[in-house]
């Protein structure tokens, strides 16, 4: 707790703290390990555009269905079926997440 910090508090019009700014290096140190973060673009596609999480992630990463299927060692139509499935087996979710370079927890949107 005696760690020196270089924080800046920004006070709102009501005189109460509204924001805290930390140095970028500190931000990277503290949040780089948070591998379960989900980019806003992915969340937006899922919640606003009603796109399945697998598709939102695949598109965010700039991959085609064929590329993901090749990483999984399956056909593109087989992957397309999984991508649009409402219920995937836990092992399938884990394999697909690994192929995308994300954690299975990041698919829980």
Protein backbone atom coordinates (compact mmCIF):
# COMPACT_ATOMS: atom_id res chain seq x y z
CA UNK A 1 0.00 0.00 0.00
CA UNK A 2 3.00 2.33 0.21
CA UNK A 3 3.43 2.15 -3.55
CA UNK A 4 3.78 5.66 -5.01
CA UNK A 5 1.08 6.54 -7.49
CA UNK A 6 0.79 9.26 -10.04
CA UNK A 7 -2.98 9.63 -10.26
CA UNK A 8 -4.92 12.66 -11.37
CA UNK A 9 -8.49 13.13 -10.19
CA UNK A 10 -10.81 15.16 -12.36
CA UNK A 11 -13.63 16.82 -10.49
CA UNK A 12 -17.04 17.25 -12.10
CA UNK A 13 -19.24 20.35 -12.09
CA UNK A 14 -20.83 19.16 -8.85
CA UNK A 15 -17.45 19.23 -7.09
CA UNK A 16 -17.29 15.45 -6.75
CA UNK A 17 -14.63 13.21 -8.33
CA UNK A 18 -15.76 12.23 -11.82
CA UNK A 19 -12.67 10.57 -13.37
CA UNK A 20 -9.25 9.28 -12.39
CA UNK A 21 -6.39 9.40 -14.86
CA UNK A 22 -3.38 7.11 -14.48
CA UNK A 23 -0.14 7.07 -16.48
CA UNK A 24 -0.35 4.85 -19.57
CA UNK A 25 2.51 2.64 -18.37
CA UNK A 26 0.65 1.97 -15.12
CA UNK A 27 -2.50 1.16 -17.07
CA UNK A 28 -0.64 -1.37 -19.21
CA UNK A 29 0.96 -2.94 -16.16
CA UNK A 30 -2.33 -3.27 -14.32
CA UNK A 31 -4.61 -4.30 -17.16
CA UNK A 32 -2.33 -6.16 -19.58
CA UNK A 33 -2.84 -9.30 -17.51
CA UNK A 34 -6.62 -9.00 -17.84
CA UNK A 35 -6.90 -11.48 -20.68
CA UNK A 36 -10.64 -11.74 -20.28
CA UNK A 37 -11.44 -8.24 -21.55
CA UNK A 38 -13.86 -7.95 -24.46
CA UNK A 39 -13.44 -5.16 -27.02
CA UNK A 40 -16.31 -2.69 -27.38
CA UNK A 41 -16.67 -3.57 -31.08
CA UNK A 42 -17.37 -7.21 -30.19
CA UNK A 43 -19.87 -6.34 -27.47
CA UNK A 44 -21.63 -3.92 -29.81
CA UNK A 45 -21.99 -6.53 -32.57
CA UNK A 46 -23.45 -9.04 -30.11
CA UNK A 47 -25.78 -6.77 -28.17
CA UNK A 48 -26.87 -4.21 -30.75
CA UNK A 49 -26.54 -6.08 -34.04
CA UNK A 50 -27.66 -9.44 -32.53
CA UNK A 51 -24.69 -11.33 -33.99
CA UNK A 52 -23.50 -14.59 -32.35
CA UNK A 53 -20.39 -14.05 -30.18
CA UNK A 54 -18.24 -16.39 -32.32
CA UNK A 55 -19.05 -14.41 -35.45
CA UNK A 56 -18.48 -11.07 -33.71
CA UNK A 57 -15.04 -12.21 -32.50
CA UNK A 58 -14.11 -13.74 -35.87
CA UNK A 59 -15.02 -10.55 -37.71
CA UNK A 60 -13.26 -8.39 -35.12
CA UNK A 61 -10.10 -10.43 -35.64
CA UNK A 62 -10.42 -10.09 -39.43
CA UNK A 63 -10.77 -13.81 -40.08
CA UNK A 64 -12.97 -15.69 -42.53
CA UNK A 65 -14.95 -18.78 -41.63
CA UNK A 66 -12.61 -20.77 -43.86
CA UNK A 67 -9.55 -19.52 -41.95
CA UNK A 68 -11.02 -20.45 -38.58
CA UNK A 69 -12.16 -23.82 -39.94
CA UNK A 70 -8.63 -24.50 -41.20
CA UNK A 71 -7.22 -23.70 -37.75
CA UNK A 72 -9.70 -26.19 -36.28
CA UNK A 73 -9.08 -28.83 -38.93
CA UNK A 74 -12.73 -28.91 -40.02
CA UNK A 75 -14.66 -27.80 -43.10
CA UNK A 76 -16.00 -24.27 -43.51
CA UNK A 77 -19.64 -25.46 -43.51
CA UNK A 78 -19.03 -27.39 -40.27
CA UNK A 79 -17.57 -24.28 -38.65
CA UNK A 80 -20.44 -22.11 -39.97
CA UNK A 81 -22.87 -24.47 -38.25
CA UNK A 82 -20.96 -24.16 -34.96
CA UNK A 83 -20.66 -20.39 -35.27
CA UNK A 84 -24.43 -20.04 -35.53
CA UNK A 85 -25.24 -22.63 -32.88
CA UNK A 86 -26.97 -21.35 -29.75
CA UNK A 87 -25.54 -24.22 -27.68
CA UNK A 88 -21.99 -25.44 -28.14
CA UNK A 89 -20.33 -28.14 -26.11
CA UNK A 90 -17.81 -26.86 -23.60
CA UNK A 91 -14.96 -28.59 -25.42
CA UNK A 92 -16.01 -27.09 -28.77
CA UNK A 93 -16.15 -23.59 -27.25
CA UNK A 94 -12.68 -24.06 -25.77
CA UNK A 95 -11.23 -25.32 -29.07
CA UNK A 96 -12.76 -22.47 -31.07
CA UNK A 97 -11.65 -19.87 -28.52
CA UNK A 98 -8.09 -21.24 -28.70
CA UNK A 99 -8.22 -21.09 -32.52
CA UNK A 100 -9.27 -17.44 -32.26
CA UNK A 101 -6.56 -16.69 -29.68
CA UNK A 102 -9.02 -15.76 -26.94
CA UNK A 103 -10.27 -17.42 -23.76
CA UNK A 104 -13.52 -19.36 -23.63
CA UNK A 105 -14.72 -16.89 -20.99
CA UNK A 106 -14.51 -14.10 -23.58
CA UNK A 107 -17.28 -15.82 -25.54
CA UNK A 108 -19.70 -15.33 -22.64
CA UNK A 109 -21.34 -12.09 -23.67
